[in-house]
Amino acid sequence: MERRILVQLKRWKESGNRKPLILNGVRQVGKTWALKEFGRTCYRNVAYFNFEEHAEYRQFFETTKDVRRILQNLAMAGAQKIDPEDTLIVFDEIQECPIADRTDRLISL
């Protein structure tokens, strides 16, 4: 059974002018599952980072605004490959890292 959210996520991926996606909603409704399933079916790799379970991820946003450096540090710390063309990056529980939760503070790729 395919959920409607997966159809919307696929539409987002196909958009030529897409921006970072923020998926909000009440707890325990399947947001994380939907993103992981979307990544599994539509990307070669999913890099999943949970800021509630791994507080150490927060430091990477506190020490630099350079997106490439942040992603390198996260990839090493999480032992996850990040290829900008083929990787869906999921930041779960991002509200636990207030500086990362503010997208205006990051330099775009």
PDB file of N, CA and C in Angstrom:
ATOM      1  N   MET A   1       0.841  -1.185   0.000  1.00  0.00           N
ATOM      2  CA  MET A   1       0.000   0.000   0.000  1.00  0.00           C
ATOM      3  C   MET A   1       0.885   1.247   0.000  1.00  0.00           C
ATOM      4  N   GLU A   2       0.711   2.087  -0.974  1.00  0.00           N
ATOM      5  CA  GLU A   2       1.515   3.299  -1.044  1.00  0.00           C
ATOM      6  C   GLU A   2       0.772   4.450  -0.379  1.00  0.00           C
ATOM      7  N   ARG A   3       1.466   5.157   0.478  1.00  0.00           N
ATOM      8  CA  ARG A   3       0.866   6.296   1.156  1.00  0.00           C
ATOM      9  C   ARG A   3       0.921   7.527   0.266  1.00  0.00           C
ATOM     10  N   ARG A   4      -0.048   8.408   0.474  1.00  0.00           N
ATOM     11  CA  ARG A   4      -0.091   9.648  -0.322  1.00  0.00           C
ATOM     12  C   ARG A   4       1.168  10.478  -0.152  1.00  0.00           C
ATOM     13  N   ILE A   5       1.763  10.431   1.045  1.00  0.00           N
ATOM     14  CA  ILE A   5       2.958  11.232   1.293  1.00  0.00           C
ATOM     15  C   ILE A   5       4.080  10.813   0.344  1.00  0.00           C
ATOM     16  N   LEU A   6       4.170   9.540   0.003  1.00  0.00           N
ATOM     17  CA  LEU A   6       5.223   9.086  -0.913  1.00  0.00           C
ATOM     18  C   LEU A   6       5.042   9.676  -2.300  1.00  0.00           C
ATOM     19  N   VAL A   7       3.807   9.808  -2.738  1.00  0.00           N
ATOM     20  CA  VAL A   7       3.534  10.435  -4.033  1.00  0.00           C
ATOM     21  C   VAL A   7       3.981  11.898  -3.998  1.00  0.00           C
ATOM     22  N   GLN A   8       3.679  12.589  -2.902  1.00  0.00           N
ATOM     23  CA  GLN A   8       4.073  13.997  -2.775  1.00  0.00           C
ATOM     24  C   GLN A   8       5.590  14.137  -2.698  1.00  0.00           C
ATOM     25  N   LEU A   9       6.248  13.234  -2.001  1.00  0.00           N
ATOM     26  CA  LEU A   9       7.705  13.286  -1.915  1.00  0.00           C
ATOM     27  C   LEU A   9       8.341  13.045  -3.289  1.00  0.00           C
ATOM     28  N   LYS A  10       7.783  12.136  -4.054  1.00  0.00           N
ATOM     29  CA  LYS A  10       8.303  11.889  -5.407  1.00  0.00           C
ATOM     30  C   LYS A  10       8.112  13.114  -6.294  1.00  0.00           C
ATOM     31  N   ARG A  11       6.991  13.796  -6.129  1.00  0.00           N
ATOM     32  CA  ARG A  11       6.766  15.035  -6.875  1.00  0.00           C
ATOM     33  C   ARG A  11       7.814  16.086  -6.503  1.00  0.00           C
ATOM     34  N   TRP A  12       8.117  16.177  -5.216  1.00  0.00           N
ATOM     35  CA  TRP A  12       9.140  17.116  -4.743  1.00  0.00           C
ATOM     36  C   TRP A  12      10.480  16.797  -5.401  1.00  0.00           C
ATOM     37  N   LYS A  13      10.834  15.517  -5.448  1.00  0.00           N
ATOM     38  CA  LYS A  13      12.121  15.121  -6.033  1.00  0.00           C
ATOM     39  C   LYS A  13      12.197  15.484  -7.510  1.00  0.00           C
ATOM     40  N   GLU A  14      11.099  15.338  -8.218  1.00  0.00           N
ATOM     41  CA  GLU A  14      11.076  15.606  -9.656  1.00  0.00           C
ATOM     42  C   GLU A  14      11.027  17.094  -9.991  1.00  0.00           C
ATOM     43  N   SER A  15      10.743  17.926  -9.015  1.00  0.00           N
ATOM     44  CA  SER A  15      10.660  19.360  -9.231  1.00  0.00           C
ATOM     45  C   SER A  15      12.033  19.906  -9.631  1.00  0.00           C
ATOM     46  N   GLY A  16      12.068  20.705 -10.665  1.00  0.00           N
ATOM     47  CA  GLY A  16      13.323  21.268 -11.136  1.00  0.00           C
ATOM     48  C   GLY A  16      13.879  22.354 -10.234  1.00  0.00           C
ATOM     49  N   ASN A  17      13.049  22.953  -9.435  1.00  0.00           N
ATOM     50  CA  ASN A  17      13.468  24.065  -8.582  1.00  0.00           C
ATOM     51  C   ASN A  17      13.179  23.756  -7.117  1.00  0.00           C
ATOM     52  N   ARG A  18      13.535  22.544  -6.687  1.00  0.00           N
ATOM     53  CA  ARG A  18      13.201  22.155  -5.314  1.00  0.00           C
ATOM     54  C   ARG A  18      14.158  22.774  -4.305  1.00  0.00           C
ATOM     55  N   LYS A  19      13.630  22.937  -3.119  1.00  0.00           N
ATOM     56  CA  LYS A  19      14.392  23.464  -1.990  1.00  0.00           C
ATOM     57  C   LYS A  19      14.389  22.413  -0.899  1.00  0.00           C
ATOM     58  N   PRO A  20      15.167  22.610   0.167  1.00  0.00           N
ATOM     59  CA  PRO A  20      15.128  21.634   1.260  1.00  0.00           C
ATOM     60  C   PRO A  20      13.695  21.414   1.729  1.00  0.00           C
ATOM     61  N   LEU A  21      13.417  20.191   2.052  1.00  0.00           N
ATOM     62  CA  LEU A  21      12.074  19.789   2.451  1.00  0.00           C
ATOM     63  C   LEU A  21      11.999  19.699   3.970  1.00  0.00           C
ATOM     64  N   ILE A  22      10.988  20.298   4.545  1.00  0.00           N
ATOM     65  CA  ILE A  22      10.735  20.193   5.977  1.00  0.00           C
ATOM     66  C   ILE A  22       9.407  19.475   6.140  1.00  0.00           C
ATOM     67  N   LEU A  23       9.447  18.345   6.811  1.00  0.00           N
ATOM     68  CA  LEU A  23       8.250  17.537   7.013  1.00  0.00           C
ATOM     69  C   LEU A  23       7.836  17.664   8.475  1.00  0.00           C
ATOM     70  N   ASN A  24       6.759  18.406   8.704  1.00  0.00           N
ATOM     71  CA  ASN A  24       6.234  18.617  10.052  1.00  0.00           C
ATOM     72  C   ASN A  24       4.989  17.778  10.261  1.00  0.00           C
ATOM     73  N   GLY A  25       4.705  17.476  11.503  1.00  0.00           N
ATOM     74  CA  GLY A  25       3.479  16.756  11.837  1.00  0.00           C
ATOM     75  C   GLY A  25       3.518  16.268  13.266  1.00  0.00           C
ATOM     76  N   VAL A  26       2.397  15.775  13.712  1.00  0.00           N
ATOM     77  CA  VAL A  26       2.318  15.273  15.082  1.00  0.00           C
ATOM     78  C   VAL A  26       3.203  14.033  15.221  1.00  0.00           C
ATOM     79  N   ARG A  27       3.507  13.698  16.455  1.00  0.00           N
ATOM     80  CA  ARG A  27       4.378  12.560  16.744  1.00  0.00           C
ATOM     81  C   ARG A  27       3.708  11.240  16.370  1.00  0.00           C
ATOM     82  N   GLN A  28       4.551  10.297  15.985  1.00  0.00           N
ATOM     83  CA  GLN A  28       4.142   8.905  15.791  1.00  0.00           C
ATOM     84  C   GLN A  28       3.133   8.683  14.664  1.00  0.00           C
ATOM     85  N   VAL A  29       3.244   9.448  13.578  1.00  0.00           N
ATOM     86  CA  VAL A  29       2.335   9.234  12.448  1.00  0.00           C
ATOM     87  C   VAL A  29       3.039   8.636  11.226  1.00  0.00           C
ATOM     88  N   GLY A  30       4.350   8.421  11.331  1.00  0.00           N
ATOM     89  CA  GLY A  30       5.070   7.776  10.233  1.00  0.00           C
ATOM     90  C   GLY A  30       5.928   8.686   9.384  1.00  0.00           C
ATOM     91  N   LYS A  31       6.273   9.866   9.874  1.00  0.00           N
ATOM     92  CA  LYS A  31       7.106  10.792   9.089  1.00  0.00           C
ATOM     93  C   LYS A  31       8.475  10.177   8.788  1.00  0.00           C
ATOM     94  N   THR A  32       9.111   9.640   9.812  1.00  0.00           N
ATOM     95  CA  THR A  32      10.439   9.047   9.625  1.00  0.00           C
ATOM     96  C   THR A  32      10.360   7.847   8.692  1.00  0.00           C
ATOM     97  N   TRP A  33       9.368   6.985   8.901  1.00  0.00           N
ATOM     98  CA  TRP A  33       9.200   5.828   8.022  1.00  0.00           C
ATOM     99  C   TRP A  33       9.032   6.284   6.576  1.00  0.00           C
ATOM    100  N   ALA A  34       8.186   7.294   6.366  1.00  0.00           N
ATOM    101  CA  ALA A  34       7.918   7.773   5.005  1.00  0.00           C
ATOM    102  C   ALA A  34       9.192   8.282   4.345  1.00  0.00           C
ATOM    103  N   LEU A  35       9.993   9.035   5.080  1.00  0.00           N
ATOM    104  CA  LEU A  35      11.233   9.552   4.504  1.00  0.00           C
ATOM    105  C   LEU A  35      12.231   8.442   4.207  1.00  0.00           C
ATOM    106  N   LYS A  36      12.341   7.486   5.109  1.00  0.00           N
ATOM    107  CA  LYS A  36      13.259   6.373   4.865  1.00  0.00           C
ATOM    108  C   LYS A  36      12.785   5.517   3.684  1.00  0.00           C
ATOM    109  N   GLU A  37      11.502   5.280   3.589  1.00  0.00           N
ATOM    110  CA  GLU A  37      10.959   4.502   2.470  1.00  0.00           C
ATOM    111  C   GLU A  37      11.145   5.254   1.153  1.00  0.00           C
ATOM    112  N   PHE A  38      10.890   6.558   1.170  1.00  0.00           N
ATOM    113  CA  PHE A  38      11.115   7.396  -0.001  1.00  0.00           C
ATOM    114  C   PHE A  38      12.574   7.323  -0.433  1.00  0.00           C
ATOM    115  N   GLY A  39      13.481   7.449   0.520  1.00  0.00           N
ATOM    116  CA  GLY A  39      14.898   7.353   0.208  1.00  0.00           C
ATOM    117  C   GLY A  39      15.286   5.994  -0.330  1.00  0.00           C
ATOM    118  N   ARG A  40      14.747   4.948   0.268  1.00  0.00           N
ATOM    119  CA  ARG A  40      15.060   3.585  -0.159  1.00  0.00           C
ATOM    120  C   ARG A  40      14.617   3.322  -1.595  1.00  0.00           C
ATOM    121  N   THR A  41      13.460   3.872  -1.977  1.00  0.00           N
ATOM    122  CA  THR A  41      12.918   3.590  -3.301  1.00  0.00           C
ATOM    123  C   THR A  41      13.342   4.587  -4.376  1.00  0.00           C
ATOM    124  N   CYS A  42      13.758   5.786  -3.971  1.00  0.00           N
ATOM    125  CA  CYS A  42      14.026   6.838  -4.964  1.00  0.00           C
ATOM    126  C   CYS A  42      15.466   7.341  -5.001  1.00  0.00           C
ATOM    127  N   TYR A  43      16.304   6.884  -4.095  1.00  0.00           N
ATOM    128  CA  TYR A  43      17.700   7.324  -4.043  1.00  0.00           C
ATOM    129  C   TYR A  43      18.604   6.105  -3.923  1.00  0.00           C
ATOM    130  N   ARG A  44      19.828   6.285  -4.295  1.00  0.00           N
ATOM    131  CA  ARG A  44      20.815   5.217  -4.146  1.00  0.00           C
ATOM    132  C   ARG A  44      21.208   5.035  -2.683  1.00  0.00           C
ATOM    133  N   ASN A  45      21.156   6.124  -1.907  1.00  0.00           N
ATOM    134  CA  ASN A  45      21.614   6.087  -0.520  1.00  0.00           C
ATOM    135  C   ASN A  45      20.759   7.022   0.330  1.00  0.00           C
ATOM    136  N   VAL A  46      20.573   6.653   1.591  1.00  0.00           N
ATOM    137  CA  VAL A  46      19.904   7.518   2.565  1.00  0.00           C
ATOM    138  C   VAL A  46      20.871   7.734   3.716  1.00  0.00           C
ATOM    139  N   ALA A  47      21.166   8.992   4.011  1.00  0.00           N
ATOM    140  CA  ALA A  47      22.000   9.341   5.163  1.00  0.00           C
ATOM    141  C   ALA A  47      21.064   9.872   6.246  1.00  0.00           C
ATOM    142  N   TYR A  48      20.906   9.108   7.305  1.00  0.00           N
ATOM    143  CA  TYR A  48      19.939   9.417   8.356  1.00  0.00           C
ATOM    144  C   TYR A  48      20.677   9.878   9.608  1.00  0.00           C
ATOM    145  N   PHE A  49      20.288  11.058  10.102  1.00  0.00           N
ATOM    146  CA  PHE A  49      20.909  11.623  11.297  1.00  0.00           C
ATOM    147  C   PHE A  49      19.826  12.009  12.283  1.00  0.00           C
ATOM    148  N   ASN A  50      19.855  11.407  13.468  1.00  0.00           N
ATOM    149  CA  ASN A  50      18.871  11.693  14.503  1.00  0.00           C
ATOM    150  C   ASN A  50      19.552  12.528  15.584  1.00  0.00           C
ATOM    151  N   PHE A  51      19.140  13.778  15.703  1.00  0.00           N
ATOM    152  CA  PHE A  51      19.780  14.714  16.624  1.00  0.00           C
ATOM    153  C   PHE A  51      19.367  14.490  18.069  1.00  0.00           C
ATOM    154  N   GLU A  52      18.305  13.756  18.281  1.00  0.00           N
ATOM    155  CA  GLU A  52      17.896  13.427  19.651  1.00  0.00           C
ATOM    156  C   GLU A  52      18.750  12.276  20.185  1.00  0.00           C
ATOM    157  N   GLU A  53      19.014  11.303  19.353  1.00  0.00           N
ATOM    158  CA  GLU A  53      19.799  10.136  19.761  1.00  0.00           C
ATOM    159  C   GLU A  53      21.297  10.387  19.750  1.00  0.00           C
ATOM    160  N   HIS A  54      21.750  11.339  18.922  1.00  0.00           N
ATOM    161  CA  HIS A  54      23.187  11.616  18.785  1.00  0.00           C
ATOM    162  C   HIS A  54      23.450  13.107  18.953  1.00  0.00           C
ATOM    163  N   ALA A  55      23.543  13.524  20.180  1.00  0.00           N
ATOM    164  CA  ALA A  55      23.758  14.944  20.485  1.00  0.00           C
ATOM    165  C   ALA A  55      25.064  15.465  19.883  1.00  0.00           C
ATOM    166  N   GLU A  56      26.022  14.585  19.642  1.00  0.00           N
ATOM    167  CA  GLU A  56      27.312  15.014  19.096  1.00  0.00           C
ATOM    168  C   GLU A  56      27.191  15.609  17.696  1.00  0.00           C
ATOM    169  N   TYR A  57      26.117  15.293  16.968  1.00  0.00           N
ATOM    170  CA  TYR A  57      25.929  15.873  15.640  1.00  0.00           C
ATOM    171  C   TYR A  57      25.764  17.392  15.711  1.00  0.00           C
ATOM    172  N   ARG A  58      25.268  17.890  16.814  1.00  0.00           N
ATOM    173  CA  ARG A  58      25.006  19.328  16.968  1.00  0.00           C
ATOM    174  C   ARG A  58      26.278  20.157  16.819  1.00  0.00           C
ATOM    175  N   GLN A  59      27.396  19.621  17.293  1.00  0.00           N
ATOM    176  CA  GLN A  59      28.646  20.392  17.277  1.00  0.00           C
ATOM    177  C   GLN A  59      29.066  20.796  15.872  1.00  0.00           C
ATOM    178  N   PHE A  60      28.708  19.999  14.874  1.00  0.00           N
ATOM    179  CA  PHE A  60      29.126  20.309  13.509  1.00  0.00           C
ATOM    180  C   PHE A  60      28.472  21.581  12.984  1.00  0.00           C
ATOM    181  N   PHE A  61      27.298  21.896  13.471  1.00  0.00           N
ATOM    182  CA  PHE A  61      26.602  23.115  13.067  1.00  0.00           C
ATOM    183  C   PHE A  61      27.068  24.312  13.891  1.00  0.00           C
ATOM    184  N   GLU A  62      27.600  24.041  15.062  1.00  0.00           N
ATOM    185  CA  GLU A  62      28.043  25.121  15.944  1.00  0.00           C
ATOM    186  C   GLU A  62      29.420  25.640  15.586  1.00  0.00           C
ATOM    187  N   THR A  63      30.216  24.840  14.873  1.00  0.00           N
ATOM    188  CA  THR A  63      31.598  25.226  14.596  1.00  0.00           C
ATOM    189  C   THR A  63      31.809  25.835  13.212  1.00  0.00           C
ATOM    190  N   THR A  64      30.847  25.675  12.297  1.00  0.00           N
ATOM    191  CA  THR A  64      31.003  26.223  10.947  1.00  0.00           C
ATOM    192  C   THR A  64      29.638  26.418  10.292  1.00  0.00           C
ATOM    193  N   LYS A  65      29.615  27.291   9.293  1.00  0.00           N
ATOM    194  CA  LYS A  65      28.417  27.473   8.473  1.00  0.00           C
ATOM    195  C   LYS A  65      28.601  26.861   7.089  1.00  0.00           C
ATOM    196  N   ASP A  66      29.765  26.310   6.843  1.00  0.00           N
ATOM    197  CA  ASP A  66      30.102  25.727   5.548  1.00  0.00           C
ATOM    198  C   ASP A  66      29.380  24.387   5.387  1.00  0.00           C
ATOM    199  N   VAL A  67      28.431  24.322   4.469  1.00  0.00           N
ATOM    200  CA  VAL A  67      27.609  23.132   4.278  1.00  0.00           C
ATOM    201  C   VAL A  67      28.467  21.923   3.917  1.00  0.00           C
ATOM    202  N   ARG A  68      29.444  22.108   3.060  1.00  0.00           N
ATOM    203  CA  ARG A  68      30.295  20.977   2.669  1.00  0.00           C
ATOM    204  C   ARG A  68      31.030  20.395   3.877  1.00  0.00           C
ATOM    205  N   ARG A  69      31.551  21.270   4.711  1.00  0.00           N
ATOM    206  CA  ARG A  69      32.269  20.818   5.916  1.00  0.00           C
ATOM    207  C   ARG A  69      31.317  20.113   6.875  1.00  0.00           C
ATOM    208  N   ILE A  70      30.119  20.664   7.050  1.00  0.00           N
ATOM    209  CA  ILE A  70      29.120  20.031   7.925  1.00  0.00           C
ATOM    210  C   ILE A  70      28.800  18.626   7.427  1.00  0.00           C
ATOM    211  N   LEU A  71      28.564  18.498   6.124  1.00  0.00           N
ATOM    212  CA  LEU A  71      28.226  17.190   5.566  1.00  0.00           C
ATOM    213  C   LEU A  71      29.390  16.206   5.665  1.00  0.00           C
ATOM    214  N   GLN A  72      30.605  16.677   5.476  1.00  0.00           N
ATOM    215  CA  GLN A  72      31.772  15.805   5.636  1.00  0.00           C
ATOM    216  C   GLN A  72      31.849  15.278   7.070  1.00  0.00           C
ATOM    217  N   ASN A  73      31.670  16.176   8.026  1.00  0.00           N
ATOM    218  CA  ASN A  73      31.736  15.782   9.434  1.00  0.00           C
ATOM    219  C   ASN A  73      30.621  14.804   9.797  1.00  0.00           C
ATOM    220  N   LEU A  74      29.413  15.088   9.326  1.00  0.00           N
ATOM    221  CA  LEU A  74      28.294  14.184   9.598  1.00  0.00           C
ATOM    222  C   LEU A  74      28.533  12.811   8.966  1.00  0.00           C
ATOM    223  N   ALA A  75      29.030  12.800   7.746  1.00  0.00           N
ATOM    224  CA  ALA A  75      29.289  11.533   7.056  1.00  0.00           C
ATOM    225  C   ALA A  75      30.305  10.701   7.825  1.00  0.00           C
ATOM    226  N   MET A  76      31.357  11.346   8.300  1.00  0.00           N
ATOM    227  CA  MET A  76      32.367  10.612   9.072  1.00  0.00           C
ATOM    228  C   MET A  76      31.802  10.129  10.406  1.00  0.00           C
ATOM    229  N   ALA A  77      31.123  10.995  11.119  1.00  0.00           N
ATOM    230  CA  ALA A  77      30.590  10.636  12.435  1.00  0.00           C
ATOM    231  C   ALA A  77      29.519   9.556  12.345  1.00  0.00           C
ATOM    232  N   GLY A  78      28.719   9.628  11.305  1.00  0.00           N
ATOM    233  CA  GLY A  78      27.647   8.656  11.149  1.00  0.00           C
ATOM    234  C   GLY A  78      28.022   7.461  10.296  1.00  0.00           C
ATOM    235  N   ALA A  79      29.272   7.418   9.836  1.00  0.00           N
ATOM    236  CA  ALA A  79      29.746   6.339   8.960  1.00  0.00           C
ATOM    237  C   ALA A  79      28.768   6.112   7.808  1.00  0.00           C
ATOM    238  N   GLN A  80      28.383   7.227   7.165  1.00  0.00           N
ATOM    239  CA  GLN A  80      27.428   7.165   6.066  1.00  0.00           C
ATOM    240  C   GLN A  80      27.987   7.918   4.869  1.00  0.00           C
ATOM    241  N   LYS A  81      27.868   7.327   3.711  1.00  0.00           N
ATOM    242  CA  LYS A  81      28.326   7.976   2.483  1.00  0.00           C
ATOM    243  C   LYS A  81      27.290   9.018   2.051  1.00  0.00           C
ATOM    244  N   ILE A  82      27.780  10.187   1.668  1.00  0.00           N
ATOM    245  CA  ILE A  82      26.891  11.229   1.166  1.00  0.00           C
ATOM    246  C   ILE A  82      27.386  11.662  -0.204  1.00  0.00           C
ATOM    247  N   ASP A  83      26.619  11.305  -1.213  1.00  0.00           N
ATOM    248  CA  ASP A  83      26.875  11.724  -2.582  1.00  0.00           C
ATOM    249  C   ASP A  83      25.766  12.706  -2.943  1.00  0.00           C
ATOM    250  N   PRO A  84      26.086  13.984  -3.168  1.00  0.00           N
ATOM    251  CA  PRO A  84      25.042  14.987  -3.399  1.00  0.00           C
ATOM    252  C   PRO A  84      24.044  14.637  -4.490  1.00  0.00           C
ATOM    253  N   GLU A  85      24.445  13.850  -5.464  1.00  0.00           N
ATOM    254  CA  GLU A  85      23.542  13.505  -6.564  1.00  0.00           C
ATOM    255  C   GLU A  85      22.596  12.357  -6.225  1.00  0.00           C
ATOM    256  N   ASP A  86      23.019  11.465  -5.345  1.00  0.00           N
ATOM    257  CA  ASP A  86      22.269  10.224  -5.135  1.00  0.00           C
ATOM    258  C   ASP A  86      21.914   9.928  -3.680  1.00  0.00           C
ATOM    259  N   THR A  87      22.042  10.902  -2.796  1.00  0.00           N
ATOM    260  CA  THR A  87      21.780  10.664  -1.379  1.00  0.00           C
ATOM    261  C   THR A  87      20.665  11.557  -0.871  1.00  0.00           C
ATOM    262  N   LEU A  88      19.702  10.948  -0.198  1.00  0.00           N
ATOM    263  CA  LEU A  88      18.689  11.700   0.536  1.00  0.00           C
ATOM    264  C   LEU A  88      19.217  11.859   1.949  1.00  0.00           C
ATOM    265  N   ILE A  89      19.336  13.095   2.401  1.00  0.00           N
ATOM    266  CA  ILE A  89      19.821  13.369   3.752  1.00  0.00           C
ATOM    267  C   ILE A  89      18.609  13.671   4.622  1.00  0.00           C
ATOM    268  N   VAL A  90      18.466  12.908   5.707  1.00  0.00           N
ATOM    269  CA  VAL A  90      17.339  13.080   6.628  1.00  0.00           C
ATOM    270  C   VAL A  90      17.885  13.536   7.973  1.00  0.00           C
ATOM    271  N   PHE A  91      17.434  14.703   8.399  1.00  0.00           N
ATOM    272  CA  PHE A  91      17.752  15.203   9.734  1.00  0.00           C
ATOM    273  C   PHE A  91      16.507  15.014  10.584  1.00  0.00           C
ATOM    274  N   ASP A  92      16.531  14.004  11.424  1.00  0.00           N
ATOM    275  CA  ASP A  92      15.391  13.701  12.288  1.00  0.00           C
ATOM    276  C   ASP A  92      15.591  14.392  13.636  1.00  0.00           C
ATOM    277  N   GLU A  93      14.501  14.864  14.200  1.00  0.00           N
ATOM    278  CA  GLU A  93      14.525  15.570  15.493  1.00  0.00           C
ATOM    279  C   GLU A  93      15.475  16.777  15.437  1.00  0.00           C
ATOM    280  N   ILE A  94      15.433  17.489  14.323  1.00  0.00           N
ATOM    281  CA  ILE A  94      16.328  18.633  14.103  1.00  0.00           C
ATOM    282  C   ILE A  94      16.098  19.757  15.102  1.00  0.00           C
ATOM    283  N   GLN A  95      14.930  19.792  15.708  1.00  0.00           N
ATOM    284  CA  GLN A  95      14.643  20.832  16.704  1.00  0.00           C
ATOM    285  C   GLN A  95      15.586  20.725  17.903  1.00  0.00           C
ATOM    286  N   GLU A  96      16.257  19.612  18.064  1.00  0.00           N
ATOM    287  CA  GLU A  96      17.224  19.438  19.147  1.00  0.00           C
ATOM    288  C   GLU A  96      18.523  20.189  18.874  1.00  0.00           C
ATOM    289  N   CYS A  97      18.664  20.705  17.676  1.00  0.00           N
ATOM    290  CA  CYS A  97      19.850  21.480  17.296  1.00  0.00           C
ATOM    291  C   CYS A  97      19.376  22.831  16.752  1.00  0.00           C
ATOM    292  N   PRO A  98      19.082  23.777  17.644  1.00  0.00           N
ATOM    293  CA  PRO A  98      18.488  25.049  17.212  1.00  0.00           C
ATOM    294  C   PRO A  98      19.261  25.776  16.110  1.00  0.00           C
ATOM    295  N   ILE A  99      20.563  25.709  16.111  1.00  0.00           N
ATOM    296  CA  ILE A  99      21.330  26.416  15.079  1.00  0.00           C
ATOM    297  C   ILE A  99      21.125  25.761  13.705  1.00  0.00           C
ATOM    298  N   ALA A 100      20.945  24.452  13.661  1.00  0.00           N
ATOM    299  CA  ALA A 100      20.694  23.762  12.387  1.00  0.00           C
ATOM    300  C   ALA A 100      19.252  23.941  11.959  1.00  0.00           C
ATOM    301  N   ASP A 101      18.384  24.153  12.909  1.00  0.00           N
ATOM    302  CA  ASP A 101      16.963  24.314  12.628  1.00  0.00           C
ATOM    303  C   ASP A 101      16.698  25.650  11.926  1.00  0.00           C
ATOM    304  N   ARG A 102      17.666  26.545  11.926  1.00  0.00           N
ATOM    305  CA  ARG A 102      17.547  27.848  11.274  1.00  0.00           C
ATOM    306  C   ARG A 102      18.245  27.786   9.920  1.00  0.00           C
ATOM    307  N   THR A 103      17.507  27.503   8.881  1.00  0.00           N
ATOM    308  CA  THR A 103      18.099  27.315   7.562  1.00  0.00           C
ATOM    309  C   THR A 103      18.734  28.576   7.004  1.00  0.00           C
ATOM    310  N   ASP A 104      18.361  29.745   7.506  1.00  0.00           N
ATOM    311  CA  ASP A 104      18.941  30.988   6.999  1.00  0.00           C
ATOM    312  C   ASP A 104      20.384  31.150   7.415  1.00  0.00           C
ATOM    313  N   ARG A 105      20.879  30.312   8.324  1.00  0.00           N
ATOM    314  CA  ARG A 105      22.259  30.431   8.801  1.00  0.00           C
ATOM    315  C   ARG A 105      23.228  29.608   7.977  1.00  0.00           C
ATOM    316  N   LEU A 106      22.729  28.815   7.057  1.00  0.00           N
ATOM    317  CA  LEU A 106      23.610  27.956   6.267  1.00  0.00           C
ATOM    318  C   LEU A 106      23.926  28.570   4.913  1.00  0.00           C
ATOM    319  N   ILE A 107      25.105  28.320   4.447  1.00  0.00           N
ATOM    320  CA  ILE A 107      25.524  28.739   3.118  1.00  0.00           C
ATOM    321  C   ILE A 107      25.105  27.637   2.153  1.00  0.00           C
ATOM    322  N   SER A 108      24.455  27.982   1.084  1.00  0.00           N
ATOM    323  CA  SER A 108      23.973  26.950   0.165  1.00  0.00           C
ATOM    324  C   SER A 108      25.115  26.353  -0.642  1.00  0.00           C
ATOM    325  N   LEU A 109      24.901  25.126  -1.106  1.00  0.00           N
ATOM    326  CA  LEU A 109      25.885  24.481  -1.982  1.00  0.00           C
ATOM    327  C   LEU A 109      25.861  25.172  -3.292  1.00  0.00           C
TER     328      LEU A 109
END
